[in-house]
Amino acid sequence: MSMITHKKRLGILVAGGPAPGINSVIASATIHALTHGTEVIGILDGFKYIMRGDISQTRELTIGRVSRIHFHGGSYIGIARDNPTKDPKDLQTTVNSLLRLNIDKLITIGGDDTAFSAMKLEEEANGRIRVVHVPKTIDNDLYLPLGIPTFGFQTACNTGVDVIKNLMTDARTTSRWFFVIAMGRKAGHLAMSLGKAAGPTLTLIPEEFTGKNSITLPKLVDILVGSIIKRLSYGFQDGVAVLAEGLLEGMPKSDLKDLAKVERDEHDNIRFDEIDFGNILKQEVQKRLASFGIKTTIVAKNLGYELRCADPIAFDMEYTRDLGFNSAQHILEGGNGVMASIQNEKFVPMKLKDILDPKTGRTRIRLVNIKSEGYNILRHYMIRLSLDDFEDPHELAKYAATANISVQNFHDMFRYLVENDPYYQKPAASRPEKEIDKVDTTKEE
């Protein structure tokens, strides 16, 4: 009597939010595993079903099915934000579901929350399931070495720049302002890259506001109002401001009274799409401008969903093929409990435990370094009130006249914006020349 044996399989799942390049990871990992004799199963919609014991929602992945999916955005096996780590029973059920599927190897594709779930799942499995995590997010905030993007970020930037370029043309044509809210739950990488590449009037990210320079809604409104007044003083009625949605995270809850009522996802993150941040700013800025007798047309625009499922550009297709291939190779060779990365053109597995933040116990978040040359260049080309403006009587008088108030009143109202700004806590030589603030980068002569 022969004993029936069940061949162990590789499972792949995607969790969190979409990012261009997901399908390329799935395809390259699948093809590599299959050509090395390992069956591959796609787990549909992340942890949604398996954490509840439902193992029916899977799809067999074959070379014929996945060989051309790398050209397209979205996820061939779906995606969901369900979190198996909130309840120990859910985590145990997730492991049991994978074992029932004969999965002893799992590739997870996701952001910081999914990385944490992957680590906890590997711990719960206790050697029964090996796990490799592939970092994806258009927020670019996973804790990878400096200069290494998360996949999907470059495509999101490429797509977003086209949108902002069109808005800049519309703003110039119709003499209006656009407030563009860019995705970035905790970090401003996407907003910063869009700002540097497209050259809008100004770009605001949460990392700028720390310590004494903490962000409040009135301060954010004054920065935008100051920028509009400065542009008007030089005869320009248009502009585009790019703002990272993560600015909301750092605001006092009293500034956004309904914030406590806003829905949160399975990882306890605020669903920013539930907050009409752009229109809140629009209304407050227009109200503040009206107090100076200034009327400006402002349009609020959320930018994010248009980027997440875009077809990946060549960079991300190549990058994700490398990640998928190497992740499959590593796990087939016995690798476990790591996040995939490509460093100096080599695959470098990073231990998931090593990317935890000791203060929070969660996956580390990579923030924008506001002391970097990149951020310095971004600030050079913004049209916003600067420290030099308050040291130049001629400039100050011009802004005050535009606002229909006295120079002293203008000084008293807006000087605080630059006093604690970390950008100005530098030697004067590293600050922009006064003339740069007079350069219009969003309007042709």
Protein backbone atom coordinates (compact mmCIF):
# COMPACT_ATOMS: atom_id res chain seq x y z
CA MET A 1 0.00 0.00 0.00
CA SER A 2 1.62 3.25 -1.08
CA MET A 3 1.43 6.42 0.95
CA ILE A 4 -0.03 9.51 -0.74
CA THR A 5 2.30 12.51 -0.51
CA HIS A 6 1.38 16.13 -1.01
CA LYS A 7 3.93 18.36 -2.70
CA LYS A 8 4.67 21.57 -0.85
CA ARG A 9 3.83 24.77 -2.68
CA LEU A 10 4.79 28.42 -2.87
CA GLY A 11 2.04 30.91 -2.07
CA ILE A 12 1.97 34.56 -3.17
CA LEU A 13 -0.31 37.25 -1.75
CA VAL A 14 -0.63 41.02 -2.08
CA ALA A 15 -1.85 43.28 0.74
CA GLY A 16 -2.21 47.00 1.41
CA GLY A 17 -2.81 49.38 -1.49
CA PRO A 18 -1.95 48.93 -5.18
CA ALA A 19 1.37 50.01 -6.69
CA PRO A 20 2.62 49.70 -10.28
CA GLY A 21 4.77 46.59 -10.71
CA ILE A 22 2.87 44.12 -8.52
CA ASN A 23 2.11 41.86 -11.48
CA SER A 24 5.74 41.79 -12.52
CA VAL A 25 6.75 40.48 -9.09
CA ILE A 26 4.02 37.84 -9.27
CA ALA A 27 5.05 36.79 -12.80
CA SER A 28 8.79 36.59 -12.27
CA ALA A 29 8.51 34.76 -8.92
CA THR A 30 5.99 32.32 -10.40
CA ILE A 31 8.01 31.55 -13.53
CA HIS A 32 11.21 31.04 -11.56
CA ALA A 33 9.55 28.74 -9.02
CA LEU A 34 7.74 26.69 -11.66
CA THR A 35 10.89 26.16 -13.72
CA HIS A 36 12.48 24.79 -10.55
CA GLY A 37 9.70 22.30 -9.92
CA THR A 38 7.65 24.19 -7.31
CA GLU A 39 3.92 24.64 -7.76
CA VAL A 40 2.66 28.20 -7.16
CA ILE A 41 -0.66 29.30 -5.72
CA GLY A 42 -1.97 32.88 -5.79
CA ILE A 43 -3.90 33.75 -2.62
CA LEU A 44 -6.72 36.09 -3.59
CA ASP A 45 -7.25 39.42 -1.81
CA GLY A 46 -4.37 39.32 0.64
CA PHE A 47 -5.16 37.95 4.09
CA LYS A 48 -8.89 38.60 3.73
CA TYR A 49 -10.04 34.98 3.35
CA ILE A 50 -7.25 32.86 4.80
CA MET A 51 -7.32 34.71 8.14
CA ARG A 52 -10.94 33.58 8.42
CA GLY A 53 -10.20 29.97 7.53
CA ASP A 54 -11.50 30.15 3.95
CA ILE A 55 -9.00 28.41 1.66
CA SER A 56 -11.24 28.37 -1.42
CA GLN A 57 -10.15 31.80 -2.67
CA THR A 58 -6.97 30.88 -4.52
CA ARG A 59 -5.76 30.73 -8.11
CA GLU A 60 -3.24 28.33 -9.56
CA LEU A 61 -0.49 30.36 -11.19
CA THR A 62 0.97 28.97 -14.40
CA ILE A 63 3.48 30.34 -16.87
CA GLY A 64 0.75 30.74 -19.48
CA ARG A 65 -1.38 32.81 -17.11
CA VAL A 66 1.32 35.16 -15.83
CA SER A 67 3.79 35.53 -18.71
CA ARG A 68 2.37 38.86 -19.92
CA ILE A 69 0.80 40.37 -16.82
CA HIS A 70 3.94 42.41 -16.06
CA PHE A 71 2.88 45.06 -18.59
CA HIS A 72 -0.20 45.98 -16.59
CA GLY A 73 -1.06 47.79 -13.37
CA GLY A 74 -3.26 46.45 -10.60
CA SER A 75 -2.91 43.00 -9.05
CA TYR A 76 -3.66 39.77 -10.89
CA ILE A 77 -4.57 38.12 -7.57
CA GLY A 78 -6.37 41.07 -5.99
CA ILE A 79 -5.48 43.00 -2.87
CA ALA A 80 -6.95 43.83 0.56
CA ARG A 81 -6.00 45.58 3.79
CA ASP A 82 -7.28 42.92 6.21
CA ASN A 83 -4.91 42.61 9.15
CA PRO A 84 -4.21 39.16 10.67
CA THR A 85 -2.13 40.60 13.53
CA LYS A 86 -4.91 42.38 15.43
CA ASP A 87 -6.14 39.14 16.98
CA PRO A 88 -3.82 36.19 17.83
CA LYS A 89 -6.57 33.81 16.72
CA ASP A 90 -6.62 35.38 13.25
CA LEU A 91 -2.86 34.95 12.96
CA GLN A 92 -3.09 31.32 14.00
CA THR A 93 -5.94 30.74 11.52
CA THR A 94 -3.84 32.33 8.77
CA VAL A 95 -0.98 29.91 9.42
CA ASN A 96 -3.35 26.94 9.58
CA SER A 97 -4.98 28.01 6.30
CA LEU A 98 -1.63 28.14 4.54
CA LEU A 99 -0.67 24.72 5.89
CA ARG A 100 -4.01 23.28 4.72
CA LEU A 101 -3.11 24.60 1.26
CA ASN A 102 0.22 22.72 1.50
CA ILE A 103 2.04 26.05 1.40
CA ASP A 104 5.38 25.98 3.20
CA LYS A 105 6.81 29.01 1.38
CA LEU A 106 5.11 32.41 1.15
CA ILE A 107 5.99 35.60 -0.71
CA THR A 108 4.10 38.64 0.58
CA ILE A 109 3.95 41.85 -1.44
CA GLY A 110 3.06 45.03 0.44
CA GLY A 111 4.04 48.09 2.43
CA ASP A 112 5.06 48.63 6.05
CA ASP A 113 1.89 47.11 7.54
CA THR A 114 2.20 44.01 5.36
CA ALA A 115 5.88 43.71 6.27
CA PHE A 116 4.87 43.62 9.93
CA SER A 117 2.17 41.02 9.22
CA ALA A 118 4.73 38.91 7.31
CA MET A 119 7.11 39.01 10.27
CA LYS A 120 4.42 38.03 12.78
CA LEU A 121 3.16 35.25 10.49
CA GLU A 122 6.67 33.80 10.19
CA GLU A 123 7.03 33.87 13.97
CA GLU A 124 3.67 32.15 14.45
CA ALA A 125 4.55 29.49 11.86
CA ASN A 126 7.67 28.64 13.88
CA GLY A 127 9.60 27.13 10.98
CA ARG A 128 6.66 25.50 9.24
CA ILE A 129 6.33 28.31 6.69
CA ARG A 130 9.20 30.35 5.29
CA VAL A 131 8.38 33.98 4.42
CA VAL A 132 9.97 36.58 2.12
CA HIS A 133 8.45 40.06 1.87
CA VAL A 134 8.70 42.27 -1.24
CA PRO A 135 8.39 46.00 -0.42
CA LYS A 136 5.91 47.98 -2.51
CA THR A 137 4.31 51.37 -2.00
CA ILE A 138 4.03 54.58 -3.99
CA ASP A 139 4.68 56.36 -0.66
CA ASN A 140 8.35 55.22 -0.84
CA ASP A 141 8.43 55.10 2.97
CA LEU A 142 9.64 51.57 3.70
CA TYR A 143 12.93 51.32 5.54
CA LEU A 144 15.25 50.63 2.62
CA PRO A 145 18.78 52.05 2.34
CA LEU A 146 19.13 55.62 1.14
CA GLY A 147 18.44 56.06 -2.55
CA ILE A 148 16.67 52.73 -3.06
CA PRO A 149 13.00 53.29 -3.97
CA THR A 150 10.11 51.02 -3.18
CA PHE A 151 8.73 49.59 -6.38
CA GLY A 152 5.91 51.55 -7.98
CA PHE A 153 7.23 54.87 -6.72
CA GLN A 154 8.96 55.86 -9.96
CA THR A 155 5.89 55.04 -12.06
CA ALA A 156 3.67 57.01 -9.67
CA CYS A 157 6.00 60.01 -9.98
CA ASN A 158 6.10 59.73 -13.76
CA THR A 159 2.31 59.58 -13.99
CA GLY A 160 1.76 62.29 -11.38
CA VAL A 161 4.09 64.77 -13.07
CA ASP A 162 1.97 64.63 -16.22
CA VAL A 163 -1.13 65.46 -14.17
CA ILE A 164 0.55 68.37 -12.39
CA LYS A 165 2.00 69.69 -15.66
CA ASN A 166 -1.53 69.86 -17.08
CA LEU A 167 -2.84 71.55 -13.94
CA MET A 168 -0.06 74.14 -14.13
CA THR A 169 -1.09 74.93 -17.70
CA ASP A 170 -4.75 75.14 -16.65
CA ALA A 171 -3.85 77.41 -13.72
CA ARG A 172 -1.91 79.76 -15.99
CA THR A 173 -4.66 79.77 -18.62
CA THR A 174 -7.55 80.39 -16.23
CA SER A 175 -5.77 82.50 -13.57
CA ARG A 176 -6.55 80.16 -10.70
CA TRP A 177 -4.83 78.09 -8.04
CA PHE A 178 -4.83 74.33 -7.60
CA PHE A 179 -4.25 72.63 -4.26
CA VAL A 180 -3.05 69.12 -5.11
CA ILE A 181 -3.16 66.60 -2.25
CA ALA A 182 -0.64 63.85 -2.97
CA MET A 183 -0.67 60.42 -1.33
CA GLY A 184 1.84 59.83 1.44
CA ARG A 185 0.32 58.68 4.70
CA LYS A 186 3.34 59.34 6.92
CA ALA A 187 6.11 60.60 4.66
CA GLY A 188 6.38 63.23 1.92
CA HIS A 189 8.51 61.39 -0.65
CA LEU A 190 5.88 61.37 -3.39
CA ALA A 191 4.91 65.03 -2.91
CA MET A 192 8.57 66.05 -2.82
CA SER A 193 9.48 64.17 -6.00
CA LEU A 194 6.43 65.53 -7.81
CA GLY A 195 7.39 69.02 -6.65
CA LYS A 196 11.01 68.72 -7.74
CA ALA A 197 10.17 67.21 -11.12
CA ALA A 198 7.16 69.35 -12.10
CA GLY A 199 8.20 72.64 -10.47
CA PRO A 200 4.86 73.79 -9.01
CA THR A 201 4.68 76.98 -6.96
CA LEU A 202 5.32 75.28 -3.63
CA THR A 203 5.37 71.83 -2.07
CA LEU A 204 4.62 71.07 1.57
CA ILE A 205 5.53 67.82 3.32
CA PRO A 206 5.06 66.72 6.96
CA GLU A 207 8.79 66.35 7.65
CA GLU A 208 9.15 70.13 7.39
CA PHE A 209 7.07 70.58 10.54
CA THR A 210 8.80 69.18 13.60
CA GLY A 211 9.41 70.32 17.17
CA LYS A 212 8.77 74.03 17.61
CA ASN A 213 7.74 74.21 13.97
CA SER A 214 4.86 71.76 14.42
CA ILE A 215 2.04 71.90 11.90
CA THR A 216 -1.36 73.42 12.60
CA LEU A 217 -4.19 74.20 10.22
CA PRO A 218 -3.87 78.01 10.70
CA LYS A 219 -0.12 77.82 9.97
CA LEU A 220 -0.69 75.77 6.83
CA VAL A 221 -3.33 78.28 5.72
CA ASP A 222 -0.96 81.20 6.33
CA ILE A 223 1.83 79.55 4.31
CA LEU A 224 -0.54 79.15 1.37
CA VAL A 225 -1.97 82.66 1.78
CA GLY A 226 1.56 84.08 1.98
CA SER A 227 2.48 82.31 -1.25
CA ILE A 228 -0.60 83.61 -3.04
CA ILE A 229 0.07 87.17 -1.85
CA LYS A 230 3.70 86.96 -2.92
CA ARG A 231 2.70 85.75 -6.39
CA LEU A 232 0.08 88.50 -6.69
CA SER A 233 2.64 91.13 -5.75
CA TYR A 234 4.57 90.17 -8.88
CA GLY A 235 1.46 90.19 -11.06
CA PHE A 236 0.67 86.46 -11.18
CA GLN A 237 -2.80 85.25 -10.23
CA ASP A 238 -2.12 81.52 -10.70
CA GLY A 239 -0.28 78.80 -8.90
CA VAL A 240 -0.15 75.12 -7.96
CA ALA A 241 0.54 73.89 -4.44
CA VAL A 242 1.40 70.22 -3.87
CA LEU A 243 0.68 69.01 -0.33
CA ALA A 244 1.37 65.58 1.14
CA GLU A 245 -1.72 64.06 2.74
CA GLY A 246 0.49 63.13 5.70
CA LEU A 247 0.25 66.74 6.85
CA LEU A 248 -3.08 65.69 8.33
CA GLU A 249 -1.40 63.10 10.56
CA GLY A 250 0.60 65.72 12.43
CA MET A 251 -2.19 68.22 12.98
CA PRO A 252 -3.85 68.65 16.37
CA LYS A 253 -7.19 66.87 16.34
CA SER A 254 -8.79 70.15 17.47
CA ASP A 255 -7.87 71.66 14.08
CA LEU A 256 -9.96 69.05 12.31
CA LYS A 257 -12.84 68.53 14.66
CA ASP A 258 -14.37 65.62 12.76
CA LEU A 259 -11.08 63.70 12.52
CA ALA A 260 -11.94 61.43 15.44
CA LYS A 261 -15.08 60.29 13.59
CA VAL A 262 -13.25 59.41 10.42
CA GLU A 263 -13.10 55.75 9.44
CA ARG A 264 -9.82 53.89 9.99
CA ASP A 265 -8.51 50.85 8.12
CA GLU A 266 -7.64 47.44 9.55
CA HIS A 267 -4.20 48.72 10.57
CA ASP A 268 -5.72 51.70 12.46
CA ASN A 269 -4.56 54.20 9.84
CA ILE A 270 -6.83 57.15 9.10
CA ARG A 271 -8.62 56.75 5.78
CA PHE A 272 -7.49 60.06 4.35
CA ASP A 273 -9.93 59.74 1.47
CA GLU A 274 -12.67 60.19 4.10
CA ILE A 275 -11.34 63.69 4.85
CA ASP A 276 -11.81 66.36 2.20
CA PHE A 277 -8.47 67.93 3.05
CA GLY A 278 -8.15 69.92 -0.16
CA ASN A 279 -11.52 71.58 0.19
CA ILE A 280 -10.94 72.28 3.90
CA LEU A 281 -7.78 74.16 2.92
CA LYS A 282 -9.52 75.87 0.02
CA GLN A 283 -12.29 77.23 2.23
CA GLU A 284 -9.94 78.38 4.98
CA VAL A 285 -7.50 80.02 2.56
CA GLN A 286 -10.28 81.84 0.70
CA LYS A 287 -11.70 83.04 4.01
CA ARG A 288 -8.27 84.36 5.06
CA LEU A 289 -7.70 86.04 1.69
CA ALA A 290 -11.13 87.68 1.89
CA SER A 291 -10.03 89.37 5.12
CA PHE A 292 -7.42 91.18 2.97
CA GLY A 293 -9.93 92.00 0.25
CA ILE A 294 -8.41 89.40 -2.10
CA LYS A 295 -10.55 87.04 -4.14
CA THR A 296 -8.89 83.99 -5.70
CA THR A 297 -10.34 80.97 -7.48
CA ILE A 298 -8.99 77.75 -5.93
CA VAL A 299 -9.60 74.17 -7.05
CA ALA A 300 -8.80 71.21 -4.77
CA LYS A 301 -7.53 68.02 -6.43
CA ASN A 302 -6.67 64.67 -4.81
CA LEU A 303 -3.87 62.82 -6.56
CA GLY A 304 -3.24 59.18 -5.76
CA TYR A 305 -5.79 56.76 -7.09
CA GLU A 306 -4.78 57.80 -10.61
CA LEU A 307 -1.21 56.66 -9.83
CA ARG A 308 -1.58 53.39 -7.95
CA CYS A 309 -2.75 51.17 -10.80
CA ALA A 310 -0.93 52.81 -13.69
CA ASP A 311 0.91 50.48 -16.05
CA PRO A 312 4.51 50.36 -14.76
CA ILE A 313 7.23 52.21 -16.61
CA ALA A 314 10.30 50.26 -17.76
CA PHE A 315 12.21 51.07 -14.56
CA ASP A 316 9.60 49.43 -12.36
CA MET A 317 9.09 46.47 -14.71
CA GLU A 318 12.82 45.72 -14.61
CA TYR A 319 13.13 46.42 -10.89
CA THR A 320 10.19 44.21 -9.94
CA ARG A 321 11.35 41.36 -12.16
CA ASP A 322 14.62 41.39 -10.23
CA LEU A 323 12.77 41.45 -6.91
CA GLY A 324 10.40 38.62 -7.87
CA PHE A 325 13.14 36.39 -9.30
CA ASN A 326 15.47 36.87 -6.35
CA SER A 327 12.71 36.48 -3.77
CA ALA A 328 11.71 33.14 -5.28
CA GLN A 329 15.32 32.06 -5.53
CA HIS A 330 16.01 32.99 -1.92
CA ILE A 331 12.98 31.22 -0.50
CA LEU A 332 13.62 28.10 -2.60
CA GLU A 333 17.12 28.00 -1.16
CA GLY A 334 15.77 28.08 2.40
CA GLY A 335 15.67 31.85 3.01
CA ASN A 336 13.21 33.06 5.61
CA GLY A 337 12.02 36.09 7.59
CA VAL A 338 13.46 38.73 5.26
CA MET A 339 12.50 41.71 3.13
CA ALA A 340 13.86 41.72 -0.41
CA SER A 341 16.09 44.55 -1.63
CA ILE A 342 18.41 45.24 -4.54
CA GLN A 343 21.55 47.10 -3.43
CA ASN A 344 24.46 47.91 -5.74
CA GLU A 345 22.88 45.62 -8.34
CA LYS A 346 22.88 42.68 -5.94
CA PHE A 347 20.07 40.97 -4.05
CA VAL A 348 20.34 41.75 -0.33
CA PRO A 349 17.86 40.08 2.03
CA MET A 350 17.10 42.32 5.03
CA LYS A 351 15.91 40.63 8.23
CA LEU A 352 12.37 41.73 9.01
CA LYS A 353 13.24 41.98 12.71
CA ASP A 354 16.02 44.45 11.89
CA ILE A 355 13.64 46.95 10.29
CA LEU A 356 11.43 47.30 13.37
CA ASP A 357 11.24 50.64 15.14
CA PRO A 358 12.19 49.95 18.79
CA LYS A 359 9.94 52.80 19.95
CA THR A 360 6.75 51.56 18.29
CA GLY A 361 7.44 47.88 17.74
CA ARG A 362 6.20 48.37 14.19
CA THR A 363 8.03 48.50 10.86
CA ARG A 364 10.25 51.57 10.54
CA ILE A 365 9.11 54.41 8.32
CA ARG A 366 11.64 56.12 6.05
CA LEU A 367 11.06 59.87 6.16
CA VAL A 368 12.30 62.61 3.86
CA ASN A 369 15.62 64.02 5.04
CA ILE A 370 14.98 67.76 5.07
CA LYS A 371 18.72 68.38 5.52
CA SER A 372 19.45 66.70 2.20
CA GLU A 373 20.58 68.49 -0.94
CA GLY A 374 17.41 67.29 -2.67
CA TYR A 375 15.14 69.05 -0.19
CA ASN A 376 17.36 72.15 -0.27
CA ILE A 377 16.92 72.35 -4.05
CA LEU A 378 13.17 71.90 -3.69
CA ARG A 379 12.99 74.86 -1.32
CA HIS A 380 15.12 77.04 -3.58
CA TYR A 381 12.50 76.96 -6.30
CA MET A 382 9.40 77.51 -4.19
CA ILE A 383 7.47 80.76 -4.31
CA ARG A 384 6.63 81.28 -0.63
CA LEU A 385 7.45 83.77 2.08
CA SER A 386 11.10 83.46 3.06
CA LEU A 387 13.36 84.80 5.78
CA ASP A 388 14.95 87.16 3.27
CA ASP A 389 11.56 88.73 2.54
CA PHE A 390 11.30 89.95 6.11
CA GLU A 391 14.81 91.41 5.95
CA ASP A 392 14.09 93.40 2.76
CA PRO A 393 11.95 96.52 3.41
CA HIS A 394 11.11 96.92 -0.28
CA GLU A 395 9.79 93.36 -0.63
CA LEU A 396 7.89 93.56 2.62
CA ALA A 397 6.23 96.83 1.60
CA LYS A 398 5.15 95.30 -1.70
CA TYR A 399 3.52 92.30 -0.01
CA ALA A 400 1.82 94.50 2.56
CA ALA A 401 0.41 96.71 -0.19
CA THR A 402 -0.94 93.66 -2.00
CA ALA A 403 -2.63 92.53 1.23
CA ASN A 404 -4.01 96.05 1.82
CA ILE A 405 -2.44 96.27 5.30
CA SER A 406 0.49 98.09 6.89
CA VAL A 407 4.01 96.75 6.72
CA GLN A 408 4.03 96.26 10.49
CA ASN A 409 0.77 94.32 10.39
CA PHE A 410 2.06 92.09 7.61
CA HIS A 411 5.25 91.48 9.56
CA ASP A 412 3.34 90.63 12.73
CA MET A 413 0.94 88.28 10.92
CA PHE A 414 3.42 86.26 8.86
CA ARG A 415 6.91 86.54 10.34
CA TYR A 416 6.31 83.54 12.63
CA LEU A 417 6.20 81.27 9.58
CA VAL A 418 9.97 81.48 9.09
CA GLU A 419 11.17 81.85 12.69
CA ASN A 420 11.18 78.14 13.58
CA ASP A 421 11.43 76.71 10.07
CA PRO A 422 14.37 74.25 10.18
CA TYR A 423 15.28 75.27 6.64
CA TYR A 424 16.43 78.63 7.97
CA GLN A 425 18.44 77.16 10.82
CA LYS A 426 21.40 77.04 8.44
CA PRO A 427 24.24 79.38 7.44
CA ALA A 428 22.99 82.17 5.19
CA ALA A 429 25.16 80.89 2.34
CA SER A 430 23.04 77.75 2.07
CA ARG A 431 19.80 79.71 1.80
CA PRO A 432 18.41 80.82 -1.56
CA GLU A 433 19.49 84.15 -2.96
CA LYS A 434 16.83 86.84 -2.64
CA GLU A 435 16.43 86.99 -6.39
CA ILE A 436 15.40 83.34 -6.65
CA ASP A 437 12.11 84.19 -4.93
CA LYS A 438 11.35 86.61 -7.73
CA VAL A 439 11.76 83.99 -10.43
CA ASP A 440 8.46 82.72 -11.77
CA THR A 441 8.81 79.04 -12.61
CA THR A 442 5.18 78.40 -13.53
CA LYS A 443 4.36 81.18 -16.01
CA GLU A 444 5.91 81.88 -19.39
CA GLU A 445 6.65 85.42 -20.41
